[in-house]
Amino acid sequence: MTAPYDNFAEFSMFATLHDGTIYIEEDFPSRAASRAEETTRPPPRNPHPDQQSQAMMTYWGYKFETLSLIPTPPPCTPPEQIRAHQASQTSNHAQHCSIVHTSFGPHTLLLGGEVDGLLGPKPSPAEQQRHDKPIPWVELKTAEQLPPPHRQQHRDVLRFERKLLKFWAQSFLLGVPTIIVGFRTKSGVLTGTQTFATTELPGMVRRGTGCWDGNVCINFAAGFLGWLKDVITGEGRWSVVLRKKSGVVEVRKVGEGRGGVVSDEFVRWRRDGKNGGGEGNGNGVRVESAEESAGVAREKQEAAA
């Protein structure tokens, strides 16, 4: 979704066509190599005295989540447990995994994604089916603090609103209604927080720098999915790659069979028609990504304080 406005956007995925549906998963080795490269990236030539490494800034994000979330709703959590939680070890393992059914134009998707926490109790399945109460998911992000209004320059606001593009796209796809941004100094000190409604971010940017348009992102995603369905029309393992600064998505067949994208167990389940098997044929595109992740339904142990 962000590719039309992010020249540094990149992804590497594998796809396979099975029973009328395209299944996509992330290229995990490629992602691991990319992350390793980021941690060893040389520092800028003239860094700010307080500038920290990419690895340290990643840690700050996880620490912000640790300080903002507790495993149980606040009314049910003893005060001493909350105080002890503030000193608990930072971990990036516990997570909520949400399975979302959505669409871009005529293209139906099932997405698996990681969400940071909840602002309140999760509604019952019956309430969710009636759409009476959406799940109060919340996404937690960090960003460098903006200068005071009288010292702000256009580039300061532009940098922040470009960052909002990724925040919006991730939350929009998974139906997360609320984003809380923690603002920090260059040395990692939290100076404040601000809450944003996901649906209001495109309008906010349109009234600001206008550096991205949500409708363009949605239309690009719909066009890309349609093109992908026109290209992947036969069985096999397909590579789907977008490289930084290339502006071109490359799709090529790299092997036969399903290439591990779809497991044998799943194929047998569909074939035997168990537990509702057989549903989902037709024009679907099932996407499974690692960052937003959900190959397995691990349940996050935390709920927002």
Protein backbone atom coordinates (compact mmCIF):
# COMPACT_ATOMS: atom_id res chain seq x y z
CA MET A 1 0.00 0.00 0.00
CA THR A 2 2.79 2.44 0.79
CA ALA A 3 4.85 1.81 -2.35
CA PRO A 4 3.49 4.79 -4.37
CA TYR A 5 4.94 7.22 -1.80
CA ASP A 6 7.83 5.31 -0.23
CA ASN A 7 10.88 5.09 -2.47
CA PHE A 8 12.55 2.90 0.14
CA ALA A 9 9.66 0.43 0.36
CA GLU A 10 10.74 -3.15 -0.24
CA PHE A 11 9.38 -6.64 0.19
CA SER A 12 10.23 -10.19 -0.77
CA MET A 13 7.50 -12.82 -0.72
CA PHE A 14 6.64 -16.23 -2.07
CA ALA A 15 3.26 -17.10 -3.56
CA THR A 16 1.46 -20.16 -4.83
CA LEU A 17 -1.92 -20.78 -6.44
CA HIS A 18 -4.00 -23.53 -4.86
CA ASP A 19 -7.65 -24.33 -5.43
CA GLY A 20 -8.37 -20.93 -6.98
CA THR A 21 -6.74 -18.89 -4.23
CA ILE A 22 -3.31 -17.22 -4.16
CA TYR A 23 -1.44 -17.82 -0.91
CA ILE A 24 1.39 -15.45 -0.01
CA GLU A 25 4.01 -15.63 2.72
CA GLU A 26 7.05 -13.55 3.50
CA ASP A 27 10.51 -14.63 2.38
CA PHE A 28 11.79 -15.12 5.92
CA PRO A 29 15.52 -15.61 5.08
CA SER A 30 15.49 -12.43 3.00
CA ARG A 31 13.84 -10.50 5.82
CA ALA A 32 16.37 -11.77 8.37
CA ALA A 33 19.23 -10.72 6.09
CA SER A 34 17.67 -7.28 5.62
CA ARG A 35 17.33 -6.77 9.37
CA ALA A 36 20.92 -7.87 9.92
CA GLU A 37 22.05 -5.35 7.32
CA GLU A 38 20.15 -2.57 9.08
CA THR A 39 21.89 -3.27 12.38
CA THR A 40 25.32 -3.08 10.75
CA ARG A 41 24.58 0.03 8.70
CA PRO A 42 27.39 2.62 9.13
CA PRO A 43 26.48 5.75 11.10
CA PRO A 44 25.85 9.04 9.27
CA ARG A 45 28.85 11.23 8.54
CA ASN A 46 27.80 14.06 10.85
CA PRO A 47 25.56 12.45 13.46
CA HIS A 48 23.74 14.36 16.18
CA PRO A 49 25.56 13.95 19.52
CA ASP A 50 22.57 12.06 20.93
CA GLN A 51 21.92 9.96 17.81
CA GLN A 52 21.61 6.24 18.61
CA SER A 53 21.90 3.07 16.54
CA GLN A 54 19.01 1.49 14.64
CA ALA A 55 19.10 -1.46 17.05
CA MET A 56 18.75 0.87 20.05
CA MET A 57 15.82 2.73 18.46
CA THR A 58 14.13 -0.61 17.77
CA TYR A 59 14.57 -1.49 21.44
CA TRP A 60 12.95 1.82 22.43
CA GLY A 61 9.84 0.82 20.50
CA TYR A 62 9.57 -2.48 22.36
CA LYS A 63 10.26 -0.75 25.67
CA PHE A 64 7.44 1.72 25.01
CA GLU A 65 5.10 -1.22 24.49
CA THR A 66 6.30 -2.86 27.71
CA LEU A 67 5.66 0.30 29.72
CA SER A 68 2.25 0.89 28.12
CA LEU A 69 0.78 -2.62 28.34
CA ILE A 70 -0.14 -5.01 31.12
CA PRO A 71 -1.35 -8.63 30.84
CA THR A 72 -4.74 -8.04 32.49
CA PRO A 73 -7.28 -5.16 32.54
CA PRO A 74 -6.24 -2.42 35.01
CA PRO A 75 -9.29 -2.86 37.32
CA CYS A 76 -8.31 -6.52 37.75
CA THR A 77 -4.61 -5.86 38.30
CA PRO A 78 -3.20 -5.19 41.81
CA PRO A 79 -1.29 -1.87 42.05
CA GLU A 80 1.87 -3.63 43.22
CA GLN A 81 1.78 -5.81 40.10
CA ILE A 82 1.51 -2.71 37.91
CA ARG A 83 4.49 -1.13 39.68
CA ALA A 84 6.54 -4.29 39.30
CA HIS A 85 5.59 -4.52 35.63
CA GLN A 86 7.32 -1.22 34.88
CA ALA A 87 10.66 -2.85 35.70
CA SER A 88 9.93 -6.08 33.85
CA GLN A 89 12.19 -7.33 31.09
CA THR A 90 11.45 -6.01 27.62
CA SER A 91 10.31 -8.71 25.20
CA ASN A 92 9.13 -8.73 21.60
CA HIS A 93 7.69 -12.26 21.72
CA ALA A 94 4.24 -11.88 23.31
CA GLN A 95 1.67 -10.56 20.85
CA HIS A 96 -1.94 -10.53 19.77
CA CYS A 97 -2.53 -12.14 16.38
CA SER A 98 -5.61 -11.00 14.50
CA ILE A 99 -7.14 -12.69 11.45
CA VAL A 100 -8.93 -10.18 9.23
CA HIS A 101 -11.28 -10.67 6.27
CA THR A 102 -11.24 -7.63 4.02
CA SER A 103 -11.28 -6.63 0.36
CA PHE A 104 -9.81 -4.20 -2.16
CA GLY A 105 -12.41 -3.73 -4.86
CA PRO A 106 -13.24 -7.21 -6.22
CA HIS A 107 -10.28 -8.83 -4.46
CA THR A 108 -10.99 -10.62 -1.19
CA LEU A 109 -8.19 -11.11 1.34
CA LEU A 110 -7.57 -12.99 4.55
CA LEU A 111 -4.80 -11.25 6.48
CA GLY A 112 -2.94 -12.42 9.54
CA GLY A 113 -1.39 -9.62 11.55
CA GLU A 114 0.18 -8.73 14.88
CA VAL A 115 -1.53 -6.06 16.98
CA ASP A 116 0.00 -4.45 20.07
CA GLY A 117 -2.90 -4.48 22.53
CA LEU A 118 -6.43 -3.58 23.54
CA LEU A 119 -7.93 -0.45 25.08
CA GLY A 120 -10.73 -2.45 26.68
CA PRO A 121 -12.31 -5.90 26.90
CA LYS A 122 -12.68 -7.77 23.64
CA PRO A 123 -16.37 -8.02 22.60
CA SER A 124 -18.03 -11.42 22.52
CA PRO A 125 -18.16 -13.28 19.17
CA ALA A 126 -21.90 -12.55 18.97
CA GLU A 127 -21.33 -8.80 19.43
CA GLN A 128 -18.59 -8.85 16.81
CA GLN A 129 -20.83 -10.62 14.29
CA ARG A 130 -23.55 -8.02 14.82
CA HIS A 131 -20.93 -5.29 14.47
CA ASP A 132 -22.28 -3.79 17.69
CA LYS A 133 -18.84 -3.44 19.19
CA PRO A 134 -15.65 -3.40 17.14
CA ILE A 135 -12.58 -4.85 18.82
CA PRO A 136 -10.79 -1.94 20.56
CA TRP A 137 -7.37 -2.76 19.16
CA VAL A 138 -4.61 -0.20 19.69
CA GLU A 139 -1.27 0.16 17.93
CA LEU A 140 1.69 1.71 19.77
CA LYS A 141 4.36 3.60 17.85
CA THR A 142 7.29 5.88 18.61
CA ALA A 143 8.56 8.91 16.74
CA GLU A 144 11.10 11.64 17.30
CA GLN A 145 9.50 14.63 18.98
CA LEU A 146 8.67 17.64 16.84
CA PRO A 147 10.26 21.00 17.68
CA PRO A 148 8.05 23.59 19.43
CA PRO A 149 5.55 25.22 17.02
CA HIS A 150 7.53 28.48 16.80
CA ARG A 151 10.63 26.53 15.74
CA GLN A 152 9.01 23.96 13.46
CA GLN A 153 10.05 23.89 9.83
CA HIS A 154 8.22 22.29 6.92
CA ARG A 155 10.74 19.45 6.79
CA ASP A 156 10.02 18.54 10.45
CA VAL A 157 6.31 18.11 9.80
CA LEU A 158 6.98 16.41 6.46
CA ARG A 159 9.21 13.79 8.09
CA PHE A 160 6.57 13.00 10.71
CA GLU A 161 3.65 12.85 8.27
CA ARG A 162 5.63 10.52 6.00
CA LYS A 163 6.07 8.26 9.01
CA LEU A 164 2.32 8.38 9.60
CA LEU A 165 1.86 6.66 6.21
CA LYS A 166 3.25 3.38 7.56
CA PHE A 167 1.34 3.75 10.82
CA TRP A 168 -1.91 4.27 8.90
CA ALA A 169 -1.40 1.48 6.35
CA GLN A 170 -0.66 -1.18 8.97
CA SER A 171 -3.59 -0.19 11.17
CA PHE A 172 -5.98 0.29 8.24
CA LEU A 173 -5.34 -3.20 6.91
CA LEU A 174 -6.02 -4.87 10.25
CA GLY A 175 -8.94 -2.68 11.29
CA VAL A 176 -7.09 -1.11 14.24
CA PRO A 177 -9.06 2.04 15.12
CA THR A 178 -6.54 3.76 17.41
CA ILE A 179 -2.84 4.58 17.22
CA ILE A 180 -0.91 5.97 20.18
CA VAL A 181 2.39 7.64 19.31
CA GLY A 182 5.05 8.15 21.95
CA PHE A 183 7.29 11.11 21.17
CA ARG A 184 10.93 10.81 22.23
CA THR A 185 14.15 12.76 22.17
CA LYS A 186 17.12 11.66 20.08
CA SER A 187 18.51 10.03 23.21
CA GLY A 188 15.33 7.99 23.75
CA VAL A 189 13.61 9.94 26.54
CA LEU A 190 9.81 9.84 26.26
CA THR A 191 8.45 13.40 26.28
CA GLY A 192 4.75 12.87 25.54
CA THR A 193 2.10 10.83 23.79
CA GLN A 194 -0.65 11.60 21.29
CA THR A 195 -3.63 9.50 20.26
CA PHE A 196 -4.72 9.35 16.61
CA ALA A 197 -7.83 7.83 15.05
CA THR A 198 -6.69 5.69 12.12
CA THR A 199 -9.51 6.86 9.85
CA GLU A 200 -8.63 10.52 10.41
CA LEU A 201 -4.96 10.33 9.41
CA PRO A 202 -5.45 10.70 5.61
CA GLY A 203 -7.49 13.87 6.13
CA MET A 204 -4.96 15.24 8.59
CA VAL A 205 -2.13 14.76 6.09
CA ARG A 206 -4.23 16.18 3.25
CA ARG A 207 -4.73 19.37 5.28
CA GLY A 208 -1.04 19.39 6.20
CA THR A 209 1.83 18.62 3.85
CA GLY A 210 -0.23 16.48 1.45
CA CYS A 211 2.72 14.09 1.16
CA TRP A 212 0.47 11.03 0.68
CA ASP A 213 -3.11 10.18 -0.23
CA GLY A 214 -4.91 7.21 1.30
CA ASN A 215 -7.10 6.74 -1.78
CA VAL A 216 -4.04 6.42 -4.01
CA CYS A 217 -2.65 3.75 -1.67
CA ILE A 218 -5.91 1.79 -1.70
CA ASN A 219 -6.26 2.02 -5.48
CA PHE A 220 -2.66 0.92 -5.93
CA ALA A 221 -3.23 -2.12 -3.70
CA ALA A 222 -6.36 -3.07 -5.64
CA GLY A 223 -4.54 -2.70 -8.97
CA PHE A 224 -1.55 -4.68 -7.75
CA LEU A 225 -3.73 -7.57 -6.54
CA GLY A 226 -5.58 -7.67 -9.85
CA TRP A 227 -2.30 -7.71 -11.76
CA LEU A 228 -0.92 -10.44 -9.49
CA LYS A 229 -3.95 -12.63 -10.19
CA ASP A 230 -3.40 -12.13 -13.93
CA VAL A 231 0.25 -13.21 -13.62
CA ILE A 232 -0.02 -16.15 -11.22
CA THR A 233 -2.41 -18.37 -13.13
CA GLY A 234 -0.74 -21.75 -12.72
CA GLU A 235 0.72 -23.92 -10.01
CA GLY A 236 4.26 -23.52 -8.73
CA ARG A 237 6.25 -21.37 -6.35
CA TRP A 238 6.47 -17.73 -7.35
CA SER A 239 8.79 -14.98 -6.11
CA VAL A 240 7.25 -11.51 -5.63
CA VAL A 241 9.89 -8.83 -5.00
CA LEU A 242 10.02 -5.04 -4.74
CA ARG A 243 13.53 -3.62 -4.28
CA LYS A 244 14.38 -0.26 -2.78
CA LYS A 245 14.32 2.64 -5.22
CA SER A 246 13.38 0.35 -8.13
CA GLY A 247 9.69 1.21 -8.44
CA VAL A 248 9.15 -2.18 -10.10
CA VAL A 249 7.54 -5.31 -8.66
CA GLU A 250 9.14 -8.45 -10.10
CA VAL A 251 7.18 -11.71 -10.24
CA ARG A 252 8.79 -14.90 -11.52
CA LYS A 253 8.31 -18.61 -11.11
CA VAL A 254 11.10 -20.13 -9.02
CA GLY A 255 9.95 -23.71 -8.51
CA GLU A 256 7.31 -26.36 -8.87
CA GLY A 257 4.76 -27.55 -6.34
CA ARG A 258 3.60 -25.38 -3.46
CA GLY A 259 7.08 -24.62 -2.17
CA GLY A 260 6.04 -24.84 1.47
CA VAL A 261 3.73 -21.84 1.18
CA VAL A 262 0.72 -24.12 1.68
CA SER A 263 1.23 -27.06 4.02
CA ASP A 264 0.27 -30.64 3.23
CA GLU A 265 -1.95 -30.66 6.34
CA PHE A 266 -3.94 -27.72 5.01
CA VAL A 267 -4.34 -29.36 1.61
CA ARG A 268 -5.66 -32.54 3.24
CA TRP A 269 -8.04 -30.49 5.38
CA ARG A 270 -9.45 -28.80 2.30
CA ARG A 271 -9.65 -32.06 0.41
CA ASP A 272 -11.40 -33.95 3.18
CA GLY A 273 -13.88 -31.13 3.76
CA LYS A 274 -13.42 -31.12 7.51
CA ASN A 275 -14.28 -28.21 9.78
CA GLY A 276 -15.88 -26.22 6.99
CA GLY A 277 -13.23 -27.16 4.43
CA GLY A 278 -13.98 -26.26 0.86
CA GLU A 279 -14.86 -22.66 1.64
CA GLY A 280 -12.74 -19.90 0.21
CA ASN A 281 -12.59 -21.11 -3.39
CA GLY A 282 -12.71 -18.55 -6.14
CA ASN A 283 -11.14 -15.12 -6.30
CA GLY A 284 -9.53 -14.89 -2.88
CA VAL A 285 -6.01 -13.82 -2.14
CA ARG A 286 -4.79 -15.14 1.20
CA VAL A 287 -1.90 -13.07 2.50
CA GLU A 288 0.35 -14.19 5.33
CA SER A 289 3.10 -11.85 6.42
CA ALA A 290 5.75 -12.20 9.06
CA GLU A 291 5.84 -8.72 10.47
CA GLU A 292 2.18 -8.44 10.83
CA SER A 293 2.56 -12.06 11.28
CA ALA A 294 0.20 -14.85 11.91
CA GLY A 295 1.40 -18.15 10.59
CA VAL A 296 0.36 -19.49 13.96
CA ALA A 297 -2.25 -18.00 16.20
CA ARG A 298 -0.14 -17.01 19.13
CA GLU A 299 -2.16 -15.09 21.62
CA LYS A 300 -0.66 -11.99 23.06
CA GLN A 301 -0.55 -11.89 26.82
CA GLU A 302 -0.91 -8.17 27.09
CA ALA A 303 -3.81 -5.74 27.12
CA ALA A 304 -3.39 -2.01 27.06
CA ALA A 305 -3.29 -0.28 30.39
